[in-house]
Amino acid sequence: MTTTTSPRRDEADWQAVLRGEDNSGAIHGDSPVHRLYGPLCAMRQKGSYVVGHLAQSLDGRIATTCGMSRWLSGEEDLLHTHRMRAIADAVLVGANTILHDDPQLTVRLCAGDNPVRVIVDPEHRLDGSQRVFCDGSAPTLILVAADKAGTEVQWGQAEVIPVPRGHHGLDPFEIRRILALRGLSWLFVEGGGITVSRFLAAGALHRLQITVAPVILGSGRPSLVLPEIHDLALSLRPRTRRFLLGDDTMIECDFDITPSP
């Protein structure tokens, strides 16, 4: 079933979600907001939980070749990402997202508190001039490969966290473990494609939301990039829910992974 959400008529329902009325997992009434966010909020009671999100074109591109992605999806998907930030303990993005978009990663379009901002920068490429490092809007962590972290404990206003290298960058499960020790168990992995792909390939995502905008780029940066398969039996086939966000369609994939304690 496809459900339509409206940012203009659902504020009372959103406020109910923030008050925790869905934490039992029950669906209250027939509100699209409750149907979308209620099950996600319910997972707060069950341990570590990770939701990824990407916005892509009809032909599976998240940005142009030079990295431009604003604004691929529409206003209602932008509102959705702010709401996801509001219910998360932490929002996590890769270094390329910071370099190309310079996002604030705060909650500005809806009611709710800012999450902790987590930047994955294994090679310590960011120079500290980006807004997340100097605006003071929310606590910020930068995750750097242990061999690149050096001795500094701050990068701008962000705390530097050394992380051991995995086989392909920083291990998503090690990232989850380190953040959980800080009380950050409900994570929203907002981008970009490389970061979300690594979490998905590692089996470290419980859900993935893909918003498809009605546009064709014809070239550009791909959405998900996973290890090559030669048999369709090896493809991922999650349960899905669909929601209309204005002209965009969001497909939420549930990988049926038990939340970690």
C-alpha atoms as a PDB file:
ATOM      1  CA  MET A   1       0.000   0.000   0.000  1.00  0.00           C
ATOM      2  CA  THR A   2       1.243   3.502  -0.839  1.00  0.00           C
ATOM      3  CA  THR A   3       0.624   6.257   1.708  1.00  0.00           C
ATOM      4  CA  THR A   4       0.819  10.021   1.238  1.00  0.00           C
ATOM      5  CA  THR A   5       2.259  12.305   3.921  1.00  0.00           C
ATOM      6  CA  SER A   6       1.745  16.060   4.062  1.00  0.00           C
ATOM      7  CA  PRO A   7       3.987  18.417   6.012  1.00  0.00           C
ATOM      8  CA  ARG A   8       1.118  20.915   6.221  1.00  0.00           C
ATOM      9  CA  ARG A   9      -1.564  18.824   7.931  1.00  0.00           C
ATOM     10  CA  ASP A  10       0.299  16.407  10.153  1.00  0.00           C
ATOM     11  CA  GLU A  11       1.956  18.518  12.850  1.00  0.00           C
ATOM     12  CA  ALA A  12      -0.270  17.166  15.634  1.00  0.00           C
ATOM     13  CA  ASP A  13       0.576  13.609  14.594  1.00  0.00           C
ATOM     14  CA  TRP A  14       4.284  14.442  14.547  1.00  0.00           C
ATOM     15  CA  GLN A  15       4.043  15.944  18.025  1.00  0.00           C
ATOM     16  CA  ALA A  16       2.386  12.708  19.189  1.00  0.00           C
ATOM     17  CA  VAL A  17       5.306  10.719  17.789  1.00  0.00           C
ATOM     18  CA  LEU A  18       7.765  12.947  19.648  1.00  0.00           C
ATOM     19  CA  ARG A  19       5.837  12.439  22.880  1.00  0.00           C
ATOM     20  CA  GLY A  20       6.487   8.724  22.522  1.00  0.00           C
ATOM     21  CA  GLU A  21       2.923   7.650  21.912  1.00  0.00           C
ATOM     22  CA  ASP A  22       4.163   5.080  19.388  1.00  0.00           C
ATOM     23  CA  ASN A  23       6.908   3.540  21.512  1.00  0.00           C
ATOM     24  CA  SER A  24       4.692   0.542  22.232  1.00  0.00           C
ATOM     25  CA  GLY A  25       4.780  -0.268  18.533  1.00  0.00           C
ATOM     26  CA  ALA A  26       1.039   0.282  18.222  1.00  0.00           C
ATOM     27  CA  ILE A  27      -0.374   2.319  15.373  1.00  0.00           C
ATOM     28  CA  HIS A  28      -2.642   5.097  16.626  1.00  0.00           C
ATOM     29  CA  GLY A  29      -5.390   5.999  14.205  1.00  0.00           C
ATOM     30  CA  ASP A  30      -4.844   6.072  10.468  1.00  0.00           C
ATOM     31  CA  SER A  31      -2.198   8.789  10.310  1.00  0.00           C
ATOM     32  CA  PRO A  32       0.551   8.413   7.681  1.00  0.00           C
ATOM     33  CA  VAL A  33       2.990   9.966  10.164  1.00  0.00           C
ATOM     34  CA  HIS A  34       2.211   7.281  12.748  1.00  0.00           C
ATOM     35  CA  ARG A  35       2.518   4.548  10.127  1.00  0.00           C
ATOM     36  CA  LEU A  36       5.876   5.829   8.963  1.00  0.00           C
ATOM     37  CA  TYR A  37       7.576   6.854  12.206  1.00  0.00           C
ATOM     38  CA  GLY A  38       5.725   4.768  14.796  1.00  0.00           C
ATOM     39  CA  PRO A  39       7.485   1.462  14.029  1.00  0.00           C
ATOM     40  CA  LEU A  40      10.855   3.253  13.905  1.00  0.00           C
ATOM     41  CA  CYS A  41      10.340   4.907  17.281  1.00  0.00           C
ATOM     42  CA  ALA A  42       9.276   1.568  18.755  1.00  0.00           C
ATOM     43  CA  MET A  43      12.736   0.191  18.001  1.00  0.00           C
ATOM     44  CA  ARG A  44      14.208   2.534  20.627  1.00  0.00           C
ATOM     45  CA  GLN A  45      13.135   0.031  23.252  1.00  0.00           C
ATOM     46  CA  LYS A  46      14.902  -2.897  21.591  1.00  0.00           C
ATOM     47  CA  GLY A  47      18.577  -1.905  21.490  1.00  0.00           C
ATOM     48  CA  SER A  48      20.925  -0.659  18.784  1.00  0.00           C
ATOM     49  CA  TYR A  49      19.113   0.269  15.566  1.00  0.00           C
ATOM     50  CA  VAL A  50      20.413   1.744  12.318  1.00  0.00           C
ATOM     51  CA  VAL A  51      18.405   3.283   9.462  1.00  0.00           C
ATOM     52  CA  GLY A  52      20.019   4.493   6.238  1.00  0.00           C
ATOM     53  CA  HIS A  53      18.603   6.975   3.749  1.00  0.00           C
ATOM     54  CA  LEU A  54      19.453   7.991   0.190  1.00  0.00           C
ATOM     55  CA  ALA A  55      17.692  10.183  -2.373  1.00  0.00           C
ATOM     56  CA  GLN A  56      18.229   9.126  -5.974  1.00  0.00           C
ATOM     57  CA  SER A  57      17.048   9.749  -9.509  1.00  0.00           C
ATOM     58  CA  LEU A  58      14.969   7.293 -11.535  1.00  0.00           C
ATOM     59  CA  ASP A  59      18.212   5.994 -13.044  1.00  0.00           C
ATOM     60  CA  GLY A  60      19.855   5.403  -9.682  1.00  0.00           C
ATOM     61  CA  ARG A  61      22.070   8.499  -9.349  1.00  0.00           C
ATOM     62  CA  ILE A  62      22.477  10.467  -6.123  1.00  0.00           C
ATOM     63  CA  ALA A  63      24.490  13.373  -7.541  1.00  0.00           C
ATOM     64  CA  THR A  64      26.102  14.690 -10.686  1.00  0.00           C
ATOM     65  CA  THR A  65      29.624  13.577 -11.534  1.00  0.00           C
ATOM     66  CA  CYS A  66      31.035  16.663  -9.799  1.00  0.00           C
ATOM     67  CA  GLY A  67      29.038  15.877  -6.651  1.00  0.00           C
ATOM     68  CA  MET A  68      26.093  18.296  -6.902  1.00  0.00           C
ATOM     69  CA  SER A  69      23.018  16.810  -5.220  1.00  0.00           C
ATOM     70  CA  ARG A  70      20.964  19.836  -4.086  1.00  0.00           C
ATOM     71  CA  TRP A  71      18.083  19.465  -4.448  1.00  0.00           C
ATOM     72  CA  LEU A  72      17.543  16.116  -6.086  1.00  0.00           C
ATOM     73  CA  SER A  73      14.492  15.210  -4.040  1.00  0.00           C
ATOM     74  CA  GLY A  74      11.761  17.618  -3.016  1.00  0.00           C
ATOM     75  CA  GLU A  75      10.706  19.551   0.073  1.00  0.00           C
ATOM     76  CA  GLU A  76       8.775  16.712   1.674  1.00  0.00           C
ATOM     77  CA  ASP A  77      11.756  14.362   1.538  1.00  0.00           C
ATOM     78  CA  LEU A  78      13.855  17.124   3.091  1.00  0.00           C
ATOM     79  CA  LEU A  79      11.277  17.425   5.871  1.00  0.00           C
ATOM     80  CA  HIS A  80      11.426  13.645   6.271  1.00  0.00           C
ATOM     81  CA  THR A  81      15.193  13.696   6.761  1.00  0.00           C
ATOM     82  CA  HIS A  82      14.806  16.351   9.456  1.00  0.00           C
ATOM     83  CA  ARG A  83      12.197  14.227  11.204  1.00  0.00           C
ATOM     84  CA  MET A  84      14.508  11.220  11.033  1.00  0.00           C
ATOM     85  CA  ARG A  85      17.249  13.332  12.614  1.00  0.00           C
ATOM     86  CA  ALA A  86      14.826  14.334  15.368  1.00  0.00           C
ATOM     87  CA  ILE A  87      14.097  10.733  16.397  1.00  0.00           C
ATOM     88  CA  ALA A  88      17.739   9.581  16.110  1.00  0.00           C
ATOM     89  CA  ASP A  89      20.408   9.646  18.801  1.00  0.00           C
ATOM     90  CA  ALA A  90      22.975  10.469  16.116  1.00  0.00           C
ATOM     91  CA  VAL A  91      23.048  11.321  12.414  1.00  0.00           C
ATOM     92  CA  LEU A  92      26.022   9.888  10.530  1.00  0.00           C
ATOM     93  CA  VAL A  93      27.469  10.915   7.159  1.00  0.00           C
ATOM     94  CA  GLY A  94      30.676  10.363   5.234  1.00  0.00           C
ATOM     95  CA  ALA A  95      33.370  12.923   4.506  1.00  0.00           C
ATOM     96  CA  ASN A  96      32.282  13.402   0.871  1.00  0.00           C
ATOM     97  CA  THR A  97      28.832  14.543   1.983  1.00  0.00           C
ATOM     98  CA  ILE A  98      30.435  17.186   4.190  1.00  0.00           C
ATOM     99  CA  LEU A  99      32.815  18.277   1.423  1.00  0.00           C
ATOM    100  CA  HIS A 100      30.187  18.620  -1.308  1.00  0.00           C
ATOM    101  CA  ASP A 101      27.065  19.712   0.614  1.00  0.00           C
ATOM    102  CA  ASP A 102      28.445  21.323   3.811  1.00  0.00           C
ATOM    103  CA  PRO A 103      25.234  20.309   5.657  1.00  0.00           C
ATOM    104  CA  GLN A 104      24.328  21.396   9.164  1.00  0.00           C
ATOM    105  CA  LEU A 105      22.720  18.026  10.047  1.00  0.00           C
ATOM    106  CA  THR A 106      20.387  19.717  12.518  1.00  0.00           C
ATOM    107  CA  VAL A 107      16.615  19.752  13.023  1.00  0.00           C
ATOM    108  CA  ARG A 108      15.229  22.961  11.582  1.00  0.00           C
ATOM    109  CA  LEU A 109      12.112  22.055   9.591  1.00  0.00           C
ATOM    110  CA  CYS A 110      10.207  20.290  12.360  1.00  0.00           C
ATOM    111  CA  ALA A 111       9.880  20.074  16.128  1.00  0.00           C
ATOM    112  CA  GLY A 112      12.526  17.968  17.856  1.00  0.00           C
ATOM    113  CA  ASP A 113      16.035  18.009  19.255  1.00  0.00           C
ATOM    114  CA  ASN A 114      19.244  18.030  17.261  1.00  0.00           C
ATOM    115  CA  PRO A 115      21.036  14.659  17.196  1.00  0.00           C
ATOM    116  CA  VAL A 116      24.733  14.181  17.802  1.00  0.00           C
ATOM    117  CA  ARG A 117      26.516  14.631  14.460  1.00  0.00           C
ATOM    118  CA  VAL A 118      28.954  11.894  13.454  1.00  0.00           C
ATOM    119  CA  ILE A 119      31.335  12.358  10.510  1.00  0.00           C
ATOM    120  CA  VAL A 120      33.170   9.349   9.053  1.00  0.00           C
ATOM    121  CA  ASP A 121      36.486  10.665   7.709  1.00  0.00           C
ATOM    122  CA  PRO A 122      38.986   7.753   7.702  1.00  0.00           C
ATOM    123  CA  GLU A 123      41.791   9.675   5.978  1.00  0.00           C
ATOM    124  CA  HIS A 124      41.265  12.883   7.984  1.00  0.00           C
ATOM    125  CA  ARG A 125      40.679  14.875   4.778  1.00  0.00           C
ATOM    126  CA  LEU A 126      38.327  17.522   6.159  1.00  0.00           C
ATOM    127  CA  ASP A 127      40.046  20.768   7.131  1.00  0.00           C
ATOM    128  CA  GLY A 128      37.709  21.807   9.952  1.00  0.00           C
ATOM    129  CA  SER A 129      36.231  24.798   8.131  1.00  0.00           C
ATOM    130  CA  GLN A 130      32.879  23.144   7.406  1.00  0.00           C
ATOM    131  CA  ARG A 131      29.813  24.207   9.385  1.00  0.00           C
ATOM    132  CA  VAL A 132      29.513  21.046  11.470  1.00  0.00           C
ATOM    133  CA  PHE A 133      32.910  21.787  13.004  1.00  0.00           C
ATOM    134  CA  CYS A 134      32.322  25.401  13.949  1.00  0.00           C
ATOM    135  CA  ASP A 135      28.619  26.262  14.318  1.00  0.00           C
ATOM    136  CA  GLY A 136      28.185  24.781  17.810  1.00  0.00           C
ATOM    137  CA  SER A 137      24.636  23.664  16.985  1.00  0.00           C
ATOM    138  CA  ALA A 138      25.064  20.114  18.280  1.00  0.00           C
ATOM    139  CA  PRO A 139      27.775  17.844  19.698  1.00  0.00           C
ATOM    140  CA  THR A 140      29.920  16.574  16.832  1.00  0.00           C
ATOM    141  CA  LEU A 141      32.219  13.579  16.521  1.00  0.00           C
ATOM    142  CA  ILE A 142      34.676  12.900  13.716  1.00  0.00           C
ATOM    143  CA  LEU A 143      35.672   9.259  13.259  1.00  0.00           C
ATOM    144  CA  VAL A 144      39.202   8.946  11.869  1.00  0.00           C
ATOM    145  CA  ALA A 145      41.304   5.863  11.123  1.00  0.00           C
ATOM    146  CA  ALA A 146      43.571   5.265  14.124  1.00  0.00           C
ATOM    147  CA  ASP A 147      46.719   5.635  12.009  1.00  0.00           C
ATOM    148  CA  LYS A 148      45.540   9.054  10.760  1.00  0.00           C
ATOM    149  CA  ALA A 149      44.144  10.484  13.976  1.00  0.00           C
ATOM    150  CA  GLY A 150      47.425  11.815  15.369  1.00  0.00           C
ATOM    151  CA  THR A 151      47.339  13.234  18.881  1.00  0.00           C
ATOM    152  CA  GLU A 152      44.617  15.874  18.563  1.00  0.00           C
ATOM    153  CA  VAL A 153      41.428  15.351  20.511  1.00  0.00           C
ATOM    154  CA  GLN A 154      39.517  18.228  18.875  1.00  0.00           C
ATOM    155  CA  TRP A 155      38.987  19.244  15.244  1.00  0.00           C
ATOM    156  CA  GLY A 156      37.363  22.621  15.360  1.00  0.00           C
ATOM    157  CA  GLN A 157      34.568  22.080  17.889  1.00  0.00           C
ATOM    158  CA  ALA A 158      34.337  18.348  17.095  1.00  0.00           C
ATOM    159  CA  GLU A 159      35.802  15.522  19.144  1.00  0.00           C
ATOM    160  CA  VAL A 160      38.216  13.263  17.241  1.00  0.00           C
ATOM    161  CA  ILE A 161      37.574   9.533  17.755  1.00  0.00           C
ATOM    162  CA  PRO A 162      40.252   7.081  16.485  1.00  0.00           C
ATOM    163  CA  VAL A 163      38.749   3.927  14.954  1.00  0.00           C
ATOM    164  CA  PRO A 164      40.684   0.804  13.865  1.00  0.00           C
ATOM    165  CA  ARG A 165      40.659   0.201  10.130  1.00  0.00           C
ATOM    166  CA  GLY A 166      38.610  -2.643   8.682  1.00  0.00           C
ATOM    167  CA  HIS A 167      38.992  -4.376   5.331  1.00  0.00           C
ATOM    168  CA  HIS A 168      37.139  -1.568   3.539  1.00  0.00           C
ATOM    169  CA  GLY A 169      37.502   1.645   5.491  1.00  0.00           C
ATOM    170  CA  LEU A 170      36.171   1.866   9.025  1.00  0.00           C
ATOM    171  CA  ASP A 171      34.184  -1.174  10.115  1.00  0.00           C
ATOM    172  CA  PRO A 172      30.459  -0.280  10.503  1.00  0.00           C
ATOM    173  CA  PHE A 173      30.041  -2.622  13.470  1.00  0.00           C
ATOM    174  CA  GLU A 174      33.019  -1.048  15.227  1.00  0.00           C
ATOM    175  CA  ILE A 175      31.466   2.353  14.569  1.00  0.00           C
ATOM    176  CA  ARG A 176      28.201   1.143  16.065  1.00  0.00           C
ATOM    177  CA  ARG A 177      30.005  -0.285  19.096  1.00  0.00           C
ATOM    178  CA  ILE A 178      31.942   2.932  19.770  1.00  0.00           C
ATOM    179  CA  LEU A 179      28.830   5.075  19.467  1.00  0.00           C
ATOM    180  CA  ALA A 180      26.747   2.726  21.623  1.00  0.00           C
ATOM    181  CA  LEU A 181      29.300   3.139  24.428  1.00  0.00           C
ATOM    182  CA  ARG A 182      28.416   6.842  24.316  1.00  0.00           C
ATOM    183  CA  GLY A 183      24.700   6.120  24.536  1.00  0.00           C
ATOM    184  CA  LEU A 184      24.174   6.629  20.801  1.00  0.00           C
ATOM    185  CA  SER A 185      22.291   3.494  19.800  1.00  0.00           C
ATOM    186  CA  TRP A 186      19.651   4.737  17.334  1.00  0.00           C
ATOM    187  CA  LEU A 187      21.599   5.872  14.272  1.00  0.00           C
ATOM    188  CA  PHE A 188      20.418   7.612  11.112  1.00  0.00           C
ATOM    189  CA  VAL A 189      22.952   7.084   8.303  1.00  0.00           C
ATOM    190  CA  GLU A 190      22.039   9.954   6.006  1.00  0.00           C
ATOM    191  CA  GLY A 191      24.664   9.522   3.322  1.00  0.00           C
ATOM    192  CA  GLY A 192      26.378   9.444   1.087  1.00  0.00           C
ATOM    193  CA  GLY A 193      26.277   6.488  -1.255  1.00  0.00           C
ATOM    194  CA  ILE A 194      29.657   5.060  -0.221  1.00  0.00           C
ATOM    195  CA  THR A 195      28.879   5.220   3.492  1.00  0.00           C
ATOM    196  CA  VAL A 196      25.387   3.744   3.158  1.00  0.00           C
ATOM    197  CA  SER A 197      26.691   1.043   0.801  1.00  0.00           C
ATOM    198  CA  ARG A 198      29.370  -0.017   3.282  1.00  0.00           C
ATOM    199  CA  PHE A 199      26.856  -0.289   6.112  1.00  0.00           C
ATOM    200  CA  LEU A 200      24.513  -2.279   3.881  1.00  0.00           C
ATOM    201  CA  ALA A 201      27.236  -4.590   2.546  1.00  0.00           C
ATOM    202  CA  ALA A 202      28.362  -5.320   6.114  1.00  0.00           C
ATOM    203  CA  GLY A 203      24.829  -6.227   7.210  1.00  0.00           C
ATOM    204  CA  ALA A 204      24.866  -3.293   9.627  1.00  0.00           C
ATOM    205  CA  LEU A 205      21.621  -1.627   8.467  1.00  0.00           C
ATOM    206  CA  HIS A 206      18.277  -2.642   9.902  1.00  0.00           C
ATOM    207  CA  ARG A 207      16.351  -0.507   7.410  1.00  0.00           C
ATOM    208  CA  LEU A 208      17.177   1.478   4.293  1.00  0.00           C
ATOM    209  CA  GLN A 209      15.005   4.271   2.945  1.00  0.00           C
ATOM    210  CA  ILE A 210      15.449   5.130  -0.724  1.00  0.00           C
ATOM    211  CA  THR A 211      13.599   8.190  -1.979  1.00  0.00           C
ATOM    212  CA  VAL A 212      13.222   8.167  -5.757  1.00  0.00           C
ATOM    213  CA  ALA A 213      12.776  11.542  -7.430  1.00  0.00           C
ATOM    214  CA  PRO A 214      11.053  11.718 -10.848  1.00  0.00           C
ATOM    215  CA  VAL A 215      14.168  12.899 -12.667  1.00  0.00           C
ATOM    216  CA  ILE A 216      16.694  11.229 -14.950  1.00  0.00           C
ATOM    217  CA  LEU A 217      20.313  12.412 -14.776  1.00  0.00           C
ATOM    218  CA  GLY A 218      21.825  10.074 -17.363  1.00  0.00           C
ATOM    219  CA  SER A 219      25.188  10.232 -15.618  1.00  0.00           C
ATOM    220  CA  GLY A 220      26.600  10.924 -12.191  1.00  0.00           C
ATOM    221  CA  ARG A 221      27.373   9.192  -8.941  1.00  0.00           C
ATOM    222  CA  PRO A 222      25.628   5.871  -8.329  1.00  0.00           C
ATOM    223  CA  SER A 223      23.330   5.254  -5.396  1.00  0.00           C
ATOM    224  CA  LEU A 224      24.265   1.857  -3.930  1.00  0.00           C
ATOM    225  CA  VAL A 225      27.425  -0.015  -4.894  1.00  0.00           C
ATOM    226  CA  LEU A 226      27.665  -3.544  -3.471  1.00  0.00           C
ATOM    227  CA  PRO A 227      29.916  -6.529  -4.219  1.00  0.00           C
ATOM    228  CA  GLU A 228      29.159  -8.073  -7.617  1.00  0.00           C
ATOM    229  CA  ILE A 229      26.856 -11.092  -7.773  1.00  0.00           C
ATOM    230  CA  HIS A 230      26.267 -13.534 -10.646  1.00  0.00           C
ATOM    231  CA  ASP A 231      23.111 -15.234  -9.370  1.00  0.00           C
ATOM    232  CA  LEU A 232      19.857 -13.404  -8.625  1.00  0.00           C
ATOM    233  CA  ALA A 233      19.340 -15.791  -5.720  1.00  0.00           C
ATOM    234  CA  LEU A 234      22.080 -13.816  -3.941  1.00  0.00           C
ATOM    235  CA  SER A 235      20.259 -10.484  -4.285  1.00  0.00           C
ATOM    236  CA  LEU A 236      18.806  -8.747  -1.239  1.00  0.00           C
ATOM    237  CA  ARG A 237      15.029  -9.065  -1.034  1.00  0.00           C
ATOM    238  CA  PRO A 238      13.833  -7.089   1.997  1.00  0.00           C
ATOM    239  CA  ARG A 239      10.273  -6.456   3.066  1.00  0.00           C
ATOM    240  CA  THR A 240       9.230  -2.999   1.870  1.00  0.00           C
ATOM    241  CA  ARG A 241       6.888  -0.147   2.677  1.00  0.00           C
ATOM    242  CA  ARG A 242       6.131   2.721   0.286  1.00  0.00           C
ATOM    243  CA  PHE A 243       5.262   6.317   1.060  1.00  0.00           C
ATOM    244  CA  LEU A 244       4.588   9.238  -1.282  1.00  0.00           C
ATOM    245  CA  LEU A 245       6.533  12.352  -0.330  1.00  0.00           C
ATOM    246  CA  GLY A 246       5.134  14.982  -2.653  1.00  0.00           C
ATOM    247  CA  ASP A 247       6.287  14.043  -6.159  1.00  0.00           C
ATOM    248  CA  ASP A 248       8.849  11.607  -4.749  1.00  0.00           C
ATOM    249  CA  THR A 249       8.354   7.983  -3.730  1.00  0.00           C
ATOM    250  CA  MET A 250      10.143   6.607  -0.692  1.00  0.00           C
ATOM    251  CA  ILE A 251      10.686   2.860  -0.473  1.00  0.00           C
ATOM    252  CA  GLU A 252      11.695   1.626   2.960  1.00  0.00           C
ATOM    253  CA  CYS A 253      13.504  -1.719   3.045  1.00  0.00           C
ATOM    254  CA  ASP A 254      13.361  -3.832   6.218  1.00  0.00           C
ATOM    255  CA  PHE A 255      16.197  -6.358   6.367  1.00  0.00           C
ATOM    256  CA  ASP A 256      14.678  -8.221   9.321  1.00  0.00           C
ATOM    257  CA  ILE A 257      17.842  -7.978  11.414  1.00  0.00           C
ATOM    258  CA  THR A 258      17.330  -8.369  15.155  1.00  0.00           C
ATOM    259  CA  PRO A 259      18.359  -5.175  17.017  1.00  0.00           C
ATOM    260  CA  SER A 260      21.575  -5.559  18.987  1.00  0.00           C
ATOM    261  CA  PRO A 261      21.341  -5.377  22.807  1.00  0.00           C
END
